[in-house]
Amino acid sequence: MKDLSPFEDKLSIQFNNKDLLRQALTHRSYLNENPSLAKMGHNERLEFLGDAVLELVVTEKLYGQFPEKPEGELTSFRAALVNSKMLAEVAADIGLNDYVLLSRGEAKDTGRARQYILANAFEALVGALYLDRGYESVRKFIEDVLISSHLEDVLARRLYKDPKSLFQEEAQERVGITPTYTVLREWGPDHDKHFTVGIFLGKELVAEGGGPSKQSAQEDAARNAISAKGWE
């Protein structure tokens, strides 16, 4: 198993209980392939705890920083900071991907499934740090790697707005057209559907997006359209 000391050095955090750190980085699939290590446990319980700690720290920060903002806006800011895409980016930034323990099959997947694994592992890391070092240590960690690094960007790029609403606002303001969505392709059995959706401004196909539902495919298409138009 990998030596986790370099990871601790990168985080500038030394765990008192190294087993907690190792558990935070252990995906269920790894134990399925290595049953002799089952006693170590996978990271799902730590993920459950870390999710709550993460929301509390982010909520506390936003509540104090924006006394003039109503609940709805603060909720949107928080959602933009703690969604799986953002957490996966932060996990990659701190090098977590090099240390998470996965099955051989999961290790080969570099798509959206890996994004969720990294986001969940980051939450588990937060949970482990909370148990090992206490609230002040985990609060400082979250502020350093997430809030200070990404809140300004979230506000500047309006990432707190869902991509469909944002693209519609920009399209109406810039070109006076309301975007429309069309399903271009769909395949798979009912329990495992996949959709490709095109987003149009008039007759112009601006971008495509995919997902397991029409709604998620539309959101992906809108996100891609914002990038394609340079409206970020």
C-alpha atoms as a PDB file:
ATOM      1  CA  MET A   1       0.000   0.000   0.000  1.00  0.00           C
ATOM      2  CA  LYS A   2       1.123   3.527  -0.729  1.00  0.00           C
ATOM      3  CA  ASP A   3       3.016   5.622   1.787  1.00  0.00           C
ATOM      4  CA  LEU A   4       0.676   8.509   2.627  1.00  0.00           C
ATOM      5  CA  SER A   5       3.373  10.731   4.141  1.00  0.00           C
ATOM      6  CA  PRO A   6       3.901  12.713   0.898  1.00  0.00           C
ATOM      7  CA  PHE A   7       0.158  13.387   0.764  1.00  0.00           C
ATOM      8  CA  GLU A   8       0.176  14.635   4.350  1.00  0.00           C
ATOM      9  CA  ASP A   9       3.178  16.829   3.545  1.00  0.00           C
ATOM     10  CA  LYS A  10       1.359  18.299   0.555  1.00  0.00           C
ATOM     11  CA  LEU A  11      -1.629  19.119   2.759  1.00  0.00           C
ATOM     12  CA  SER A  12       0.641  20.376   5.560  1.00  0.00           C
ATOM     13  CA  ILE A  13      -1.374  18.155   7.895  1.00  0.00           C
ATOM     14  CA  GLN A  14      -0.119  15.252   9.980  1.00  0.00           C
ATOM     15  CA  PHE A  15      -2.809  12.802  11.030  1.00  0.00           C
ATOM     16  CA  ASN A  16      -2.593  11.395  14.547  1.00  0.00           C
ATOM     17  CA  ASN A  17      -4.520   8.312  13.424  1.00  0.00           C
ATOM     18  CA  LYS A  18      -3.100   7.228  10.065  1.00  0.00           C
ATOM     19  CA  ASP A  19      -5.789   4.548   9.762  1.00  0.00           C
ATOM     20  CA  LEU A  20      -8.454   7.250   9.546  1.00  0.00           C
ATOM     21  CA  LEU A  21      -6.650   8.847   6.623  1.00  0.00           C
ATOM     22  CA  ARG A  22      -6.219   5.503   4.877  1.00  0.00           C
ATOM     23  CA  GLN A  23      -9.897   4.674   5.374  1.00  0.00           C
ATOM     24  CA  ALA A  24     -10.896   8.048   3.912  1.00  0.00           C
ATOM     25  CA  LEU A  25      -9.005   7.162   0.739  1.00  0.00           C
ATOM     26  CA  THR A  26     -10.368   3.607   0.428  1.00  0.00           C
ATOM     27  CA  HIS A  27     -13.206   3.053  -2.043  1.00  0.00           C
ATOM     28  CA  ARG A  28     -15.576   0.142  -1.491  1.00  0.00           C
ATOM     29  CA  SER A  29     -14.425  -1.474  -4.752  1.00  0.00           C
ATOM     30  CA  TYR A  30     -10.852  -1.791  -3.453  1.00  0.00           C
ATOM     31  CA  LEU A  31     -11.970  -3.900  -0.505  1.00  0.00           C
ATOM     32  CA  ASN A  32     -14.053  -6.081  -2.803  1.00  0.00           C
ATOM     33  CA  GLU A  33     -10.819  -6.996  -4.590  1.00  0.00           C
ATOM     34  CA  ASN A  34      -8.784  -7.149  -1.372  1.00  0.00           C
ATOM     35  CA  PRO A  35     -11.045  -8.839   1.204  1.00  0.00           C
ATOM     36  CA  SER A  36      -8.101  -9.422   3.553  1.00  0.00           C
ATOM     37  CA  LEU A  37      -8.111  -5.658   4.193  1.00  0.00           C
ATOM     38  CA  ALA A  38     -11.836  -5.494   4.967  1.00  0.00           C
ATOM     39  CA  LYS A  39     -11.150  -4.670   8.623  1.00  0.00           C
ATOM     40  CA  MET A  40      -9.784  -1.293   7.500  1.00  0.00           C
ATOM     41  CA  GLY A  41     -13.215  -0.273   6.200  1.00  0.00           C
ATOM     42  CA  HIS A  42     -14.184   1.839   3.190  1.00  0.00           C
ATOM     43  CA  ASN A  43     -14.844   5.564   3.203  1.00  0.00           C
ATOM     44  CA  GLU A  44     -18.624   5.825   2.938  1.00  0.00           C
ATOM     45  CA  ARG A  45     -19.317   6.520   6.632  1.00  0.00           C
ATOM     46  CA  LEU A  46     -16.571   9.152   6.688  1.00  0.00           C
ATOM     47  CA  GLU A  47     -18.072  10.638   3.529  1.00  0.00           C
ATOM     48  CA  PHE A  48     -21.435  10.921   5.311  1.00  0.00           C
ATOM     49  CA  LEU A  49     -19.804  12.774   8.199  1.00  0.00           C
ATOM     50  CA  GLY A  50     -17.613  14.932   5.974  1.00  0.00           C
ATOM     51  CA  ASP A  51     -20.573  16.072   3.898  1.00  0.00           C
ATOM     52  CA  ALA A  52     -22.212  17.518   7.030  1.00  0.00           C
ATOM     53  CA  VAL A  53     -18.977  19.145   8.263  1.00  0.00           C
ATOM     54  CA  LEU A  54     -18.325  20.647   4.830  1.00  0.00           C
ATOM     55  CA  GLU A  55     -21.805  22.157   4.640  1.00  0.00           C
ATOM     56  CA  LEU A  56     -21.480  23.615   8.145  1.00  0.00           C
ATOM     57  CA  VAL A  57     -18.100  25.253   7.456  1.00  0.00           C
ATOM     58  CA  VAL A  58     -19.216  26.691   4.111  1.00  0.00           C
ATOM     59  CA  THR A  59     -22.544  27.853   5.552  1.00  0.00           C
ATOM     60  CA  GLU A  60     -20.823  29.542   8.496  1.00  0.00           C
ATOM     61  CA  LYS A  61     -18.408  31.341   6.174  1.00  0.00           C
ATOM     62  CA  LEU A  62     -21.102  32.543   3.767  1.00  0.00           C
ATOM     63  CA  TYR A  63     -23.394  33.619   6.607  1.00  0.00           C
ATOM     64  CA  GLY A  64     -20.658  35.801   8.065  1.00  0.00           C
ATOM     65  CA  GLN A  65     -19.304  37.164   4.782  1.00  0.00           C
ATOM     66  CA  PHE A  66     -22.628  38.156   3.204  1.00  0.00           C
ATOM     67  CA  PRO A  67     -24.895  39.580   5.949  1.00  0.00           C
ATOM     68  CA  GLU A  68     -27.018  41.331   3.320  1.00  0.00           C
ATOM     69  CA  LYS A  69     -27.792  38.202   1.275  1.00  0.00           C
ATOM     70  CA  PRO A  70     -31.093  36.319   1.730  1.00  0.00           C
ATOM     71  CA  GLU A  71     -31.288  32.595   2.418  1.00  0.00           C
ATOM     72  CA  GLY A  72     -31.997  31.665  -1.222  1.00  0.00           C
ATOM     73  CA  GLU A  73     -28.840  33.306  -2.569  1.00  0.00           C
ATOM     74  CA  LEU A  74     -26.668  31.866   0.188  1.00  0.00           C
ATOM     75  CA  THR A  75     -28.072  28.424  -0.586  1.00  0.00           C
ATOM     76  CA  SER A  76     -27.149  28.852  -4.259  1.00  0.00           C
ATOM     77  CA  PHE A  77     -23.618  29.994  -3.357  1.00  0.00           C
ATOM     78  CA  ARG A  78     -23.176  26.975  -1.098  1.00  0.00           C
ATOM     79  CA  ALA A  79     -24.475  24.557  -3.705  1.00  0.00           C
ATOM     80  CA  ALA A  80     -21.969  25.890  -6.230  1.00  0.00           C
ATOM     81  CA  LEU A  81     -19.130  25.350  -3.760  1.00  0.00           C
ATOM     82  CA  VAL A  82     -20.006  21.846  -2.572  1.00  0.00           C
ATOM     83  CA  ASN A  83     -21.305  20.152  -5.735  1.00  0.00           C
ATOM     84  CA  SER A  84     -19.487  17.065  -6.999  1.00  0.00           C
ATOM     85  CA  LYS A  85     -17.830  18.854  -9.921  1.00  0.00           C
ATOM     86  CA  MET A  86     -16.266  21.491  -7.675  1.00  0.00           C
ATOM     87  CA  LEU A  87     -15.204  18.977  -5.022  1.00  0.00           C
ATOM     88  CA  ALA A  88     -13.649  16.740  -7.679  1.00  0.00           C
ATOM     89  CA  GLU A  89     -11.638  19.727  -8.948  1.00  0.00           C
ATOM     90  CA  VAL A  90     -10.426  20.486  -5.432  1.00  0.00           C
ATOM     91  CA  ALA A  91      -9.589  16.814  -4.879  1.00  0.00           C
ATOM     92  CA  ALA A  92      -7.508  16.854  -8.060  1.00  0.00           C
ATOM     93  CA  ASP A  93      -5.810  20.094  -6.993  1.00  0.00           C
ATOM     94  CA  ILE A  94      -4.588  18.556  -3.732  1.00  0.00           C
ATOM     95  CA  GLY A  95      -3.409  15.368  -5.453  1.00  0.00           C
ATOM     96  CA  LEU A  96      -6.011  13.081  -3.911  1.00  0.00           C
ATOM     97  CA  ASN A  97      -6.359  11.152  -7.158  1.00  0.00           C
ATOM     98  CA  ASP A  98      -2.841   9.743  -6.693  1.00  0.00           C
ATOM     99  CA  TYR A  99      -3.702   8.199  -3.336  1.00  0.00           C
ATOM    100  CA  VAL A 100      -7.311   7.001  -3.481  1.00  0.00           C
ATOM    101  CA  LEU A 101      -7.506   3.184  -3.394  1.00  0.00           C
ATOM    102  CA  LEU A 102      -9.708   1.742  -6.142  1.00  0.00           C
ATOM    103  CA  SER A 103     -10.360  -1.594  -7.779  1.00  0.00           C
ATOM    104  CA  ARG A 104      -8.580  -2.193 -11.072  1.00  0.00           C
ATOM    105  CA  GLY A 105     -11.847  -1.613 -12.938  1.00  0.00           C
ATOM    106  CA  GLU A 106     -12.634   1.664 -11.194  1.00  0.00           C
ATOM    107  CA  ALA A 107      -9.050   2.851 -11.644  1.00  0.00           C
ATOM    108  CA  LYS A 108      -9.439   2.632 -15.422  1.00  0.00           C
ATOM    109  CA  ASP A 109     -12.509   4.889 -15.465  1.00  0.00           C
ATOM    110  CA  THR A 110     -11.530   8.523 -15.907  1.00  0.00           C
ATOM    111  CA  GLY A 111     -14.995   9.891 -16.761  1.00  0.00           C
ATOM    112  CA  ARG A 112     -17.885  11.137 -14.695  1.00  0.00           C
ATOM    113  CA  ALA A 113     -17.775   8.132 -12.376  1.00  0.00           C
ATOM    114  CA  ARG A 114     -14.263   9.129 -11.298  1.00  0.00           C
ATOM    115  CA  GLN A 115     -15.508  12.657 -10.641  1.00  0.00           C
ATOM    116  CA  TYR A 116     -18.027  11.320  -8.120  1.00  0.00           C
ATOM    117  CA  ILE A 117     -15.429   9.040  -6.519  1.00  0.00           C
ATOM    118  CA  LEU A 118     -13.019  11.949  -6.054  1.00  0.00           C
ATOM    119  CA  ALA A 119     -15.747  14.227  -4.679  1.00  0.00           C
ATOM    120  CA  ASN A 120     -16.838  11.546  -2.226  1.00  0.00           C
ATOM    121  CA  ALA A 121     -13.243  10.859  -1.192  1.00  0.00           C
ATOM    122  CA  PHE A 122     -12.736  14.552  -0.519  1.00  0.00           C
ATOM    123  CA  GLU A 123     -15.798  14.551   1.755  1.00  0.00           C
ATOM    124  CA  ALA A 124     -14.419  11.453   3.490  1.00  0.00           C
ATOM    125  CA  LEU A 125     -11.092  13.227   3.973  1.00  0.00           C
ATOM    126  CA  VAL A 126     -12.939  16.129   5.597  1.00  0.00           C
ATOM    127  CA  GLY A 127     -14.730  13.678   7.895  1.00  0.00           C
ATOM    128  CA  ALA A 128     -11.470  11.967   8.835  1.00  0.00           C
ATOM    129  CA  LEU A 129      -9.755  15.279   9.531  1.00  0.00           C
ATOM    130  CA  TYR A 130     -12.658  16.401  11.715  1.00  0.00           C
ATOM    131  CA  LEU A 131     -12.425  13.233  13.813  1.00  0.00           C
ATOM    132  CA  ASP A 132      -8.646  13.346  13.996  1.00  0.00           C
ATOM    133  CA  ARG A 133      -7.866  17.035  14.495  1.00  0.00           C
ATOM    134  CA  GLY A 134     -11.143  18.709  15.444  1.00  0.00           C
ATOM    135  CA  TYR A 135     -13.329  21.471  14.032  1.00  0.00           C
ATOM    136  CA  GLU A 136     -10.810  24.329  13.888  1.00  0.00           C
ATOM    137  CA  SER A 137      -8.315  22.280  11.872  1.00  0.00           C
ATOM    138  CA  VAL A 138     -10.927  21.098   9.400  1.00  0.00           C
ATOM    139  CA  ARG A 139     -12.395  24.606   9.111  1.00  0.00           C
ATOM    140  CA  LYS A 140      -8.989  26.029   8.202  1.00  0.00           C
ATOM    141  CA  PHE A 141      -8.399  23.222   5.692  1.00  0.00           C
ATOM    142  CA  ILE A 142     -11.744  23.816   3.934  1.00  0.00           C
ATOM    143  CA  GLU A 143     -11.197  27.580   3.838  1.00  0.00           C
ATOM    144  CA  ASP A 144      -7.692  27.141   2.397  1.00  0.00           C
ATOM    145  CA  VAL A 145      -8.399  24.566  -0.330  1.00  0.00           C
ATOM    146  CA  LEU A 146     -12.012  25.377  -1.238  1.00  0.00           C
ATOM    147  CA  ILE A 147     -13.443  28.687  -0.077  1.00  0.00           C
ATOM    148  CA  SER A 148     -10.452  31.000  -0.513  1.00  0.00           C
ATOM    149  CA  SER A 149      -9.524  29.334  -3.797  1.00  0.00           C
ATOM    150  CA  HIS A 150     -12.949  29.143  -5.441  1.00  0.00           C
ATOM    151  CA  LEU A 151     -15.582  31.443  -3.906  1.00  0.00           C
ATOM    152  CA  GLU A 152     -14.451  34.499  -5.848  1.00  0.00           C
ATOM    153  CA  ASP A 153     -14.582  32.524  -9.091  1.00  0.00           C
ATOM    154  CA  VAL A 154     -18.046  31.185  -8.271  1.00  0.00           C
ATOM    155  CA  LEU A 155     -19.327  34.732  -7.821  1.00  0.00           C
ATOM    156  CA  ALA A 156     -17.487  36.247 -10.810  1.00  0.00           C
ATOM    157  CA  ARG A 157     -18.626  33.529 -13.226  1.00  0.00           C
ATOM    158  CA  ARG A 158     -22.083  33.209 -11.648  1.00  0.00           C
ATOM    159  CA  LEU A 159     -21.575  29.487 -11.180  1.00  0.00           C
ATOM    160  CA  TYR A 160     -24.248  29.635  -8.484  1.00  0.00           C
ATOM    161  CA  LYS A 161     -26.847  29.892 -11.244  1.00  0.00           C
ATOM    162  CA  ASP A 162     -27.914  26.718 -12.987  1.00  0.00           C
ATOM    163  CA  PRO A 163     -26.452  26.616 -16.517  1.00  0.00           C
ATOM    164  CA  LYS A 164     -29.838  26.651 -18.286  1.00  0.00           C
ATOM    165  CA  SER A 165     -30.947  29.852 -16.554  1.00  0.00           C
ATOM    166  CA  LEU A 166     -27.575  31.475 -17.080  1.00  0.00           C
ATOM    167  CA  PHE A 167     -27.413  30.666 -20.795  1.00  0.00           C
ATOM    168  CA  GLN A 168     -30.987  31.839 -21.329  1.00  0.00           C
ATOM    169  CA  GLU A 169     -30.267  35.163 -19.586  1.00  0.00           C
ATOM    170  CA  GLU A 170     -27.117  35.706 -21.635  1.00  0.00           C
ATOM    171  CA  ALA A 171     -28.779  34.702 -24.920  1.00  0.00           C
ATOM    172  CA  GLN A 172     -31.741  36.998 -24.410  1.00  0.00           C
ATOM    173  CA  GLU A 173     -29.502  39.890 -23.383  1.00  0.00           C
ATOM    174  CA  ARG A 174     -26.856  39.444 -26.091  1.00  0.00           C
ATOM    175  CA  VAL A 175     -28.780  38.212 -29.148  1.00  0.00           C
ATOM    176  CA  GLY A 176     -32.435  38.561 -28.196  1.00  0.00           C
ATOM    177  CA  ILE A 177     -33.176  34.845 -28.663  1.00  0.00           C
ATOM    178  CA  THR A 178     -34.547  32.304 -26.199  1.00  0.00           C
ATOM    179  CA  PRO A 179     -32.644  28.998 -26.525  1.00  0.00           C
ATOM    180  CA  THR A 180     -34.442  25.765 -27.339  1.00  0.00           C
ATOM    181  CA  TYR A 181     -33.477  22.149 -26.677  1.00  0.00           C
ATOM    182  CA  THR A 182     -33.897  19.114 -28.916  1.00  0.00           C
ATOM    183  CA  VAL A 183     -33.138  15.470 -28.136  1.00  0.00           C
ATOM    184  CA  LEU A 184     -30.697  14.408 -30.861  1.00  0.00           C
ATOM    185  CA  ARG A 185     -30.131  10.819 -29.750  1.00  0.00           C
ATOM    186  CA  GLU A 186     -31.270   8.453 -27.035  1.00  0.00           C
ATOM    187  CA  TRP A 187     -30.309   4.872 -26.373  1.00  0.00           C
ATOM    188  CA  GLY A 188     -30.169   2.164 -23.734  1.00  0.00           C
ATOM    189  CA  PRO A 189     -32.786   0.178 -21.776  1.00  0.00           C
ATOM    190  CA  ASP A 190     -35.240   1.951 -19.501  1.00  0.00           C
ATOM    191  CA  HIS A 191     -33.089   1.419 -16.417  1.00  0.00           C
ATOM    192  CA  ASP A 192     -29.955   2.779 -18.131  1.00  0.00           C
ATOM    193  CA  LYS A 193     -31.022   5.461 -20.609  1.00  0.00           C
ATOM    194  CA  HIS A 194     -28.666   7.996 -22.123  1.00  0.00           C
ATOM    195  CA  PHE A 195     -29.627  11.179 -23.950  1.00  0.00           C
ATOM    196  CA  THR A 196     -27.778  13.583 -26.212  1.00  0.00           C
ATOM    197  CA  VAL A 197     -29.438  16.988 -26.399  1.00  0.00           C
ATOM    198  CA  GLY A 198     -28.679  19.921 -28.699  1.00  0.00           C
ATOM    199  CA  ILE A 199     -29.135  23.520 -27.629  1.00  0.00           C
ATOM    200  CA  PHE A 200     -30.173  25.936 -30.389  1.00  0.00           C
ATOM    201  CA  LEU A 201     -30.331  29.668 -30.881  1.00  0.00           C
ATOM    202  CA  GLY A 202     -32.804  29.859 -33.714  1.00  0.00           C
ATOM    203  CA  LYS A 203     -31.462  27.366 -36.264  1.00  0.00           C
ATOM    204  CA  GLU A 204     -27.894  27.488 -34.905  1.00  0.00           C
ATOM    205  CA  LEU A 205     -26.786  24.370 -33.021  1.00  0.00           C
ATOM    206  CA  VAL A 206     -24.596  25.956 -30.338  1.00  0.00           C
ATOM    207  CA  ALA A 207     -23.568  22.847 -28.411  1.00  0.00           C
ATOM    208  CA  GLU A 208     -24.523  19.330 -27.393  1.00  0.00           C
ATOM    209  CA  GLY A 209     -24.690  17.693 -23.998  1.00  0.00           C
ATOM    210  CA  GLY A 210     -25.271  14.245 -22.613  1.00  0.00           C
ATOM    211  CA  GLY A 211     -26.664  12.626 -19.503  1.00  0.00           C
ATOM    212  CA  PRO A 212     -28.823   9.862 -18.034  1.00  0.00           C
ATOM    213  CA  SER A 213     -31.936  12.077 -18.226  1.00  0.00           C
ATOM    214  CA  LYS A 214     -33.199  14.780 -20.555  1.00  0.00           C
ATOM    215  CA  GLN A 215     -32.825  17.343 -17.763  1.00  0.00           C
ATOM    216  CA  SER A 216     -29.186  16.472 -17.028  1.00  0.00           C
ATOM    217  CA  ALA A 217     -28.399  16.405 -20.758  1.00  0.00           C
ATOM    218  CA  GLN A 218     -29.951  19.865 -21.174  1.00  0.00           C
ATOM    219  CA  GLU A 219     -27.881  21.213 -18.281  1.00  0.00           C
ATOM    220  CA  ASP A 220     -24.733  19.716 -19.791  1.00  0.00           C
ATOM    221  CA  ALA A 221     -25.599  21.234 -23.180  1.00  0.00           C
ATOM    222  CA  ALA A 222     -26.190  24.657 -21.616  1.00  0.00           C
ATOM    223  CA  ARG A 223     -22.880  24.446 -19.761  1.00  0.00           C
ATOM    224  CA  ASN A 224     -21.104  23.566 -23.015  1.00  0.00           C
ATOM    225  CA  ALA A 225     -22.926  26.345 -24.848  1.00  0.00           C
ATOM    226  CA  ILE A 226     -21.772  28.948 -22.338  1.00  0.00           C
ATOM    227  CA  SER A 227     -18.219  27.815 -22.944  1.00  0.00           C
ATOM    228  CA  ALA A 228     -18.655  27.633 -26.734  1.00  0.00           C
ATOM    229  CA  LYS A 229     -19.931  31.210 -26.851  1.00  0.00           C
ATOM    230  CA  GLY A 230     -17.360  32.494 -24.396  1.00  0.00           C
ATOM    231  CA  TRP A 231     -20.119  33.798 -22.154  1.00  0.00           C
ATOM    232  CA  GLU A 232     -18.461  32.659 -18.935  1.00  0.00           C
END
